[in-house]
């Protein structure tokens, strides 16, 4: 594997879902990666990265991967000045993938600290290293609420679904101003919701798309256990039973605000498209990595029923009546999916002009039952991530 003509790349977020997949793919295609991160309760940066490398099956790296423990909030990234200068001298481009993806308003301070306040350290590093390019992994949902057609331009939105979207929009604007002032070329890459590998079903994280499925599976298992081991007492009270075909009839009405779509892309598309953008976008730009063939929750519910042998799931568009009586399964499901509800019926359409040009018209696959089955069966096989690393 030749490292010629591949810029040495400093990558943040290498232990996260998108960052780890990006790191693994770039290493296998000949890049030299400097992973910038820190220790946490799960272990040191080295321990966490090497667990990931084993999962990807690329432990032999022949000097391609360097690990540097840093702190964005400290001068010189928390390094001795001599080590910092050495790091700057080696770095040719930066991919900033690290972020706090929490949606919760009660975590606002931490989200903005991670996604906005910490930018000074990585941007100073970009300037000090004279980086040729700064690539920022953002989200398509910086477009905010109240907009239908989302262009590949900086967001001027004032209203957002959650604090994560708001922080990423603020970060985009800060990074853009800085790079323009410092004459650093900038690409902003905006994926929609990312799920596992469309070819293998494998994934390291099981939130977003997976969360409603996992929630519905948990509810199903509660009632199956009741039917098999407790005479079906709870199930009978709520009209839940096994039908003549062996399917569990589980009345589960899911209310969504309005009829819309679920825009999802597989992680293999995200990685392939991002690398193409990094290699092709000579002047930089903003790129939506979204799906022109979004699915719907009605389709996902149908897939779920088929795979899990369940009947009775119903998607209803519109506001839930205030006086509506909900069965225990519905009440539990509502609590589980509340943070994700706005994304399950989204009417926003994303301009992909720049992305298509930079990726040679690479498109994500339509979300078929075969892809759904591979992804969910893998998730269940690793206990929704409990048995991976």
Protein backbone atom coordinates (compact mmCIF):
# COMPACT_ATOMS: atom_id res chain seq x y z
CA UNK A 1 0.00 0.00 0.00
CA UNK A 2 1.51 3.29 -1.07
CA UNK A 3 1.19 6.41 1.07
CA UNK A 4 2.27 8.62 -1.80
CA UNK A 5 -0.05 11.52 -2.73
CA UNK A 6 -2.19 10.88 0.36
CA UNK A 7 -2.12 13.83 2.76
CA UNK A 8 -1.37 13.06 6.40
CA UNK A 9 -4.74 13.57 8.05
CA UNK A 10 -5.50 14.57 11.64
CA UNK A 11 -8.87 13.06 12.55
CA UNK A 12 -11.02 13.85 15.58
CA UNK A 13 -13.88 11.59 16.68
CA UNK A 14 -12.09 8.42 15.62
CA UNK A 15 -13.73 6.45 18.44
CA UNK A 16 -17.23 7.51 17.37
CA UNK A 17 -19.54 5.82 14.88
CA UNK A 18 -18.84 7.91 11.79
CA UNK A 19 -15.24 8.74 12.68
CA UNK A 20 -14.24 5.12 13.28
CA UNK A 21 -15.67 3.94 9.96
CA UNK A 22 -14.01 6.84 8.17
CA UNK A 23 -10.68 6.10 9.85
CA UNK A 24 -10.80 2.39 8.98
CA UNK A 25 -11.62 3.04 5.33
CA UNK A 26 -8.99 5.75 4.93
CA UNK A 27 -6.33 3.50 6.46
CA UNK A 28 -7.18 0.68 4.06
CA UNK A 29 -6.96 3.06 1.11
CA UNK A 30 -3.50 4.32 2.00
CA UNK A 31 -3.90 7.37 4.21
CA UNK A 32 -1.70 8.12 7.19
CA UNK A 33 -4.04 9.05 10.06
CA UNK A 34 -3.27 10.93 13.25
CA UNK A 35 -6.19 10.18 15.57
CA UNK A 36 -6.72 12.99 18.09
CA UNK A 37 -8.72 12.09 21.18
CA UNK A 38 -8.71 11.47 24.86
CA UNK A 39 -9.19 8.78 27.47
CA UNK A 40 -12.58 8.22 29.07
CA UNK A 41 -14.24 5.72 31.40
CA UNK A 42 -14.06 3.08 28.66
CA UNK A 43 -10.27 3.24 28.50
CA UNK A 44 -7.34 5.13 27.05
CA UNK A 45 -7.42 6.39 23.50
CA UNK A 46 -5.05 3.59 22.51
CA UNK A 47 -7.18 0.90 24.12
CA UNK A 48 -10.36 2.18 22.49
CA UNK A 49 -8.82 2.58 19.03
CA UNK A 50 -7.24 -0.85 19.05
CA UNK A 51 -10.52 -2.48 20.03
CA UNK A 52 -12.07 -0.76 17.03
CA UNK A 53 -9.26 -1.88 14.75
CA UNK A 54 -9.86 -5.48 15.78
CA UNK A 55 -13.57 -5.07 15.00
CA UNK A 56 -12.71 -3.72 11.54
CA UNK A 57 -10.11 -6.46 11.05
CA UNK A 58 -7.22 -4.10 10.25
CA UNK A 59 -4.83 -4.47 13.17
CA UNK A 60 -1.66 -4.48 11.01
CA UNK A 61 -1.19 -0.86 10.01
CA UNK A 62 2.53 -0.61 9.16
CA UNK A 63 3.01 2.76 10.81
CA UNK A 64 -0.04 4.40 9.20
CA UNK A 65 -1.85 5.23 12.44
CA UNK A 66 -0.62 7.57 15.16
CA UNK A 67 -2.57 8.27 18.34
CA UNK A 68 -2.31 11.57 20.19
CA UNK A 69 -4.19 12.29 23.43
CA UNK A 70 -5.29 15.92 23.41
CA UNK A 71 -7.66 18.36 25.11
CA UNK A 72 -9.39 20.88 22.83
CA UNK A 73 -9.99 23.28 25.69
CA UNK A 74 -6.31 23.67 26.67
CA UNK A 75 -3.52 25.67 24.96
CA UNK A 76 -1.56 23.63 22.41
CA UNK A 77 -4.34 20.99 22.69
CA UNK A 78 -2.96 20.12 26.13
CA UNK A 79 0.39 19.00 24.68
CA UNK A 80 3.90 20.20 25.56
CA UNK A 81 4.77 22.97 23.11
CA UNK A 82 7.49 20.91 21.39
CA UNK A 83 5.07 17.99 20.79
CA UNK A 84 2.42 20.39 19.55
CA UNK A 85 4.81 21.93 17.03
CA UNK A 86 5.81 18.46 15.86
CA UNK A 87 2.15 17.55 15.42
CA UNK A 88 1.54 20.75 13.44
CA UNK A 89 4.49 20.03 11.15
CA UNK A 90 3.11 16.58 10.25
CA UNK A 91 -0.52 17.55 9.67
CA UNK A 92 -1.60 18.38 6.11
CA UNK A 93 -5.39 18.26 6.48
CA UNK A 94 -7.92 17.96 9.29
CA UNK A 95 -11.21 16.08 9.52
CA UNK A 96 -13.22 17.25 12.51
CA UNK A 97 -15.72 14.52 13.29
CA UNK A 98 -15.90 14.70 17.09
CA UNK A 99 -19.14 15.96 18.58
CA UNK A 100 -21.67 15.48 21.36
CA UNK A 101 -24.79 14.09 19.68
CA UNK A 102 -27.14 14.49 22.67
CA UNK A 103 -30.58 15.90 21.85
CA UNK A 104 -31.60 16.66 25.41
CA UNK A 105 -32.15 20.29 26.36
CA UNK A 106 -30.94 19.59 29.89
CA UNK A 107 -27.53 18.78 28.38
CA UNK A 108 -27.34 22.10 26.51
CA UNK A 109 -24.25 23.32 28.38
CA UNK A 110 -22.27 20.15 27.66
CA UNK A 111 -23.39 19.99 24.04
CA UNK A 112 -22.32 23.57 23.34
CA UNK A 113 -19.08 23.06 25.25
CA UNK A 114 -18.22 20.02 23.11
CA UNK A 115 -19.52 21.25 19.76
CA UNK A 116 -18.89 25.00 19.91
CA UNK A 117 -16.59 26.10 22.76
CA UNK A 118 -14.01 23.44 21.90
CA UNK A 119 -13.69 24.73 18.32
CA UNK A 120 -11.05 27.30 19.25
CA UNK A 121 -8.50 24.60 19.98
CA UNK A 122 -8.99 22.67 16.73
CA UNK A 123 -9.15 25.86 14.63
CA UNK A 124 -5.98 27.26 16.21
CA UNK A 125 -4.39 23.93 15.39
CA UNK A 126 -5.57 24.21 11.78
CA UNK A 127 -3.97 27.65 11.51
CA UNK A 128 -0.76 26.69 13.32
CA UNK A 129 -0.30 23.58 11.18
CA UNK A 130 -0.99 25.55 8.00
CA UNK A 131 -3.49 22.83 7.12
CA UNK A 132 -4.35 22.73 3.43
CA UNK A 133 -7.95 21.68 4.12
CA UNK A 134 -10.42 21.55 6.98
CA UNK A 135 -13.24 19.01 6.61
CA UNK A 136 -16.12 19.33 9.06
CA UNK A 137 -18.65 16.54 9.61
CA UNK A 138 -21.93 18.27 10.41
CA UNK A 139 -25.57 17.23 9.94
CA UNK A 140 -28.16 17.88 7.24
CA UNK A 141 -30.54 19.05 9.97
CA UNK A 142 -28.74 22.36 10.56
CA UNK A 143 -31.38 23.56 8.08
CA UNK A 144 -33.63 23.97 11.11
CA UNK A 145 -37.39 23.81 11.36
CA UNK A 146 -39.95 25.59 9.18
CA UNK A 147 -38.03 25.03 5.93
CA UNK A 148 -38.97 22.60 3.17
CA UNK A 149 -36.14 22.84 0.63
CA UNK A 150 -32.69 22.78 2.25
CA UNK A 151 -29.87 24.23 0.17
CA UNK A 152 -26.17 23.44 0.37
CA UNK A 153 -25.42 26.80 1.97
CA UNK A 154 -24.68 27.97 5.51
CA UNK A 155 -27.70 27.82 7.77
CA UNK A 156 -29.39 30.99 8.94
CA UNK A 157 -32.09 29.11 10.84
CA UNK A 158 -33.32 30.46 14.17
CA UNK A 159 -35.42 27.46 15.19
CA UNK A 160 -34.23 23.87 15.58
CA UNK A 161 -35.63 20.53 16.60
CA UNK A 162 -33.06 20.12 19.39
CA UNK A 163 -29.86 21.50 20.89
CA UNK A 164 -27.65 19.21 18.80
CA UNK A 165 -28.89 20.74 15.54
CA UNK A 166 -28.53 24.22 16.98
CA UNK A 167 -24.94 23.61 18.10
CA UNK A 168 -23.90 22.18 14.74
CA UNK A 169 -25.36 25.18 12.88
CA UNK A 170 -23.47 27.54 15.19
CA UNK A 171 -20.28 25.54 14.68
CA UNK A 172 -20.60 25.64 10.89
CA UNK A 173 -20.78 29.42 10.91
CA UNK A 174 -17.82 29.80 13.29
CA UNK A 175 -15.67 27.40 11.27
CA UNK A 176 -16.63 29.05 7.98
CA UNK A 177 -15.68 32.53 9.18
CA UNK A 178 -12.40 31.27 10.62
CA UNK A 179 -11.37 29.35 7.51
CA UNK A 180 -12.22 32.28 5.27
CA UNK A 181 -10.13 34.63 7.44
CA UNK A 182 -7.23 32.15 7.59
CA UNK A 183 -7.41 31.16 3.89
CA UNK A 184 -7.98 27.50 4.75
CA UNK A 185 -10.11 25.58 2.29
CA UNK A 186 -13.23 24.16 3.94
CA UNK A 187 -15.65 21.38 3.20
CA UNK A 188 -18.77 20.87 5.31
CA UNK A 189 -20.22 17.39 4.99
CA UNK A 190 -23.82 17.00 6.11
CA UNK A 191 -25.16 13.45 6.47
CA UNK A 192 -28.77 12.75 7.33
CA UNK A 193 -29.51 9.83 9.69
CA UNK A 194 -26.85 7.12 9.34
CA UNK A 195 -27.48 3.43 9.96
CA UNK A 196 -25.21 0.37 9.59
CA UNK A 197 -23.48 -1.14 6.59
CA UNK A 198 -25.96 -1.85 3.79
CA UNK A 199 -23.89 -4.78 2.54
CA UNK A 200 -23.18 -6.60 5.82
CA UNK A 201 -25.62 -5.11 8.32
CA UNK A 202 -22.76 -4.49 10.75
CA UNK A 203 -22.77 -1.41 12.93
CA UNK A 204 -21.07 -0.03 16.02
CA UNK A 205 -23.95 2.14 17.22
CA UNK A 206 -27.66 1.43 17.49
CA UNK A 207 -29.50 4.71 17.99
CA UNK A 208 -31.58 6.84 15.58
CA UNK A 209 -33.22 4.35 13.15
CA UNK A 210 -32.54 1.45 15.50
CA UNK A 211 -34.13 2.98 18.56
CA UNK A 212 -37.82 2.64 17.54
CA UNK A 213 -37.15 -0.91 16.37
CA UNK A 214 -35.38 -1.85 19.58
CA UNK A 215 -38.18 -0.23 21.61
CA UNK A 216 -40.87 -2.15 19.73
CA UNK A 217 -38.89 -5.38 20.09
CA UNK A 218 -38.57 -4.85 23.85
CA UNK A 219 -42.31 -4.32 24.16
CA UNK A 220 -42.99 -7.40 22.03
CA UNK A 221 -40.70 -9.50 24.23
CA UNK A 222 -42.45 -8.33 27.42
CA UNK A 223 -45.77 -9.63 26.13
CA UNK A 224 -44.36 -12.81 24.63
CA UNK A 225 -42.82 -13.60 28.01
CA UNK A 226 -46.20 -12.92 29.64
CA UNK A 227 -47.95 -15.22 27.17
CA UNK A 228 -45.42 -18.04 27.50
CA UNK A 229 -44.67 -17.86 31.23
CA UNK A 230 -47.54 -16.08 32.94
CA UNK A 231 -50.62 -17.33 31.16
CA UNK A 232 -50.97 -14.12 29.15
CA UNK A 233 -52.65 -12.19 31.98
CA UNK A 234 -51.18 -8.78 31.05
CA UNK A 235 -51.54 -9.44 27.34
CA UNK A 236 -55.23 -10.36 27.60
CA UNK A 237 -56.01 -7.11 29.43
CA UNK A 238 -54.66 -5.15 26.46
CA UNK A 239 -56.01 -7.20 23.58
CA UNK A 240 -52.63 -8.81 22.84
CA UNK A 241 -52.55 -12.43 21.69
CA UNK A 242 -50.87 -14.95 19.40
CA UNK A 243 -52.94 -15.47 16.25
CA UNK A 244 -53.42 -18.70 14.34
CA UNK A 245 -50.32 -17.99 12.20
CA UNK A 246 -48.09 -17.61 15.24
CA UNK A 247 -47.91 -13.82 14.93
CA UNK A 248 -48.21 -11.63 18.00
CA UNK A 249 -51.14 -9.23 17.64
CA UNK A 250 -49.77 -6.10 19.33
CA UNK A 251 -52.05 -3.07 18.99
CA UNK A 252 -49.54 -0.23 18.72
CA UNK A 253 -50.77 3.07 17.31
CA UNK A 254 -47.84 5.40 16.58
CA UNK A 255 -48.77 9.07 16.13
CA UNK A 256 -46.46 11.22 14.01
CA UNK A 257 -46.92 15.00 13.55
CA UNK A 258 -47.50 14.92 9.80
CA UNK A 259 -47.07 12.71 6.79
CA UNK A 260 -43.44 12.78 5.78
CA UNK A 261 -40.27 10.78 5.34
CA UNK A 262 -37.38 9.21 7.19
CA UNK A 263 -34.15 10.23 5.45
CA UNK A 264 -31.53 7.58 6.14
CA UNK A 265 -28.22 6.58 4.58
CA UNK A 266 -25.95 3.59 5.29
CA UNK A 267 -22.54 4.13 6.83
CA UNK A 268 -20.79 2.57 3.81
CA UNK A 269 -22.30 5.26 1.58
CA UNK A 270 -21.32 7.96 4.07
CA UNK A 271 -17.71 6.75 4.09
CA UNK A 272 -17.38 6.31 0.33
CA UNK A 273 -19.00 9.67 -0.41
CA UNK A 274 -16.95 11.50 2.23
CA UNK A 275 -13.67 10.15 0.89
CA UNK A 276 -14.68 11.13 -2.65
CA UNK A 277 -15.48 14.64 -1.44
CA UNK A 278 -12.17 14.89 0.41
CA UNK A 279 -10.31 13.82 -2.71
CA UNK A 280 -12.35 15.73 -5.30
CA UNK A 281 -13.43 19.03 -3.72
CA UNK A 282 -10.48 21.15 -4.75
CA UNK A 283 -12.10 24.41 -3.61
CA UNK A 284 -14.32 23.16 -0.82
CA UNK A 285 -18.05 23.56 -0.36
CA UNK A 286 -21.10 22.23 1.48
CA UNK A 287 -22.35 18.74 0.70
CA UNK A 288 -25.59 17.01 1.66
CA UNK A 289 -25.16 13.25 2.05
CA UNK A 290 -28.86 12.46 2.07
CA UNK A 291 -31.18 10.03 0.32
CA UNK A 292 -33.24 11.02 -2.72
CA UNK A 293 -35.32 7.90 -2.02
CA UNK A 294 -36.25 8.38 1.64
CA UNK A 295 -38.34 5.74 3.33
CA UNK A 296 -41.38 6.19 5.60
CA UNK A 297 -42.27 4.87 9.02
CA UNK A 298 -45.16 2.98 7.43
CA UNK A 299 -42.62 1.03 5.38
CA UNK A 300 -40.35 0.50 8.40
CA UNK A 301 -43.34 -0.68 10.46
CA UNK A 302 -44.21 -3.16 7.71
CA UNK A 303 -40.62 -4.43 7.68
CA UNK A 304 -40.70 -4.73 11.48
CA UNK A 305 -43.92 -6.73 11.45
CA UNK A 306 -42.53 -9.09 8.81
CA UNK A 307 -39.22 -9.70 10.59
CA UNK A 308 -40.56 -9.90 14.16
CA UNK A 309 -43.78 -11.80 13.32
CA UNK A 310 -45.99 -9.07 14.73
CA UNK A 311 -49.30 -7.58 13.60
CA UNK A 312 -51.20 -4.53 14.75
CA UNK A 313 -48.66 -1.72 14.33
CA UNK A 314 -50.38 1.35 12.87
CA UNK A 315 -48.81 4.66 11.85
CA UNK A 316 -51.21 7.61 12.23
CA UNK A 317 -50.30 11.07 10.92
CA UNK A 318 -51.62 14.03 12.88
CA UNK A 319 -51.82 15.26 16.45
CA UNK A 320 -52.71 12.70 19.07
CA UNK A 321 -56.08 13.57 20.67
CA UNK A 322 -55.68 14.88 24.22
CA UNK A 323 -58.26 12.51 25.69
CA UNK A 324 -57.03 9.41 23.84
CA UNK A 325 -56.61 6.35 26.01
CA UNK A 326 -53.28 4.64 25.31
CA UNK A 327 -52.54 1.04 26.17
CA UNK A 328 -49.38 0.33 28.23
CA UNK A 329 -47.41 -0.76 25.16
CA UNK A 330 -48.23 2.51 23.39
CA UNK A 331 -47.38 4.62 26.45
CA UNK A 332 -44.03 2.87 26.79
CA UNK A 333 -43.24 3.23 23.09
CA UNK A 334 -44.13 6.93 23.16
CA UNK A 335 -41.60 7.55 25.94
CA UNK A 336 -38.91 5.59 24.13
CA UNK A 337 -39.14 7.39 20.79
CA UNK A 338 -40.02 10.96 21.82
CA UNK A 339 -36.57 12.49 21.02
CA UNK A 340 -36.63 10.93 17.54
CA UNK A 341 -40.27 11.61 16.64
CA UNK A 342 -39.62 14.74 14.49
CA UNK A 343 -37.25 12.79 12.24
CA UNK A 344 -39.72 9.96 11.63
CA UNK A 345 -42.02 12.05 9.43
CA UNK A 346 -39.87 14.84 8.02
CA UNK A 347 -41.01 16.90 5.04
CA UNK A 348 -37.63 18.52 4.35
CA UNK A 349 -36.03 17.92 0.94
CA UNK A 350 -32.26 18.31 0.57
CA UNK A 351 -30.43 19.84 -2.36
CA UNK A 352 -27.63 17.45 -3.41
CA UNK A 353 -26.09 19.33 -6.34
CA UNK A 354 -22.64 19.79 -4.80
CA UNK A 355 -22.59 16.28 -3.33
CA UNK A 356 -23.44 14.63 -6.64
CA UNK A 357 -20.76 16.61 -8.48
CA UNK A 358 -18.07 15.81 -5.90
CA UNK A 359 -18.96 12.11 -5.62
CA UNK A 360 -19.44 11.31 -9.31
CA UNK A 361 -23.20 10.91 -8.72
CA UNK A 362 -22.73 8.33 -5.99
CA UNK A 363 -26.12 7.67 -4.39
CA UNK A 364 -27.20 5.77 -1.28
CA UNK A 365 -29.36 2.68 -1.79
CA UNK A 366 -33.08 2.63 -1.24
CA UNK A 367 -33.90 1.14 2.17
CA UNK A 368 -35.21 -2.31 1.25
CA UNK A 369 -36.47 -5.13 3.45
CA UNK A 370 -33.27 -7.06 2.71
CA UNK A 371 -31.14 -4.20 4.09
CA UNK A 372 -33.46 -3.78 7.08
CA UNK A 373 -33.29 -7.51 7.86
CA UNK A 374 -29.48 -7.62 7.72
CA UNK A 375 -29.13 -4.56 9.94
CA UNK A 376 -31.64 -5.58 12.59
CA UNK A 377 -30.53 -9.21 12.72
CA UNK A 378 -26.96 -8.04 13.28
CA UNK A 379 -28.12 -5.62 16.00
CA UNK A 380 -29.96 -8.41 17.79
CA UNK A 381 -27.00 -10.80 17.40
CA UNK A 382 -24.78 -8.36 19.33
CA UNK A 383 -27.51 -7.47 21.83
CA UNK A 384 -27.87 -3.97 20.44
CA UNK A 385 -24.19 -3.23 20.93
CA UNK A 386 -23.65 -4.87 24.31
CA UNK A 387 -21.53 -7.67 22.80
CA UNK A 388 -19.39 -5.86 20.22
CA UNK A 389 -16.09 -4.58 21.64
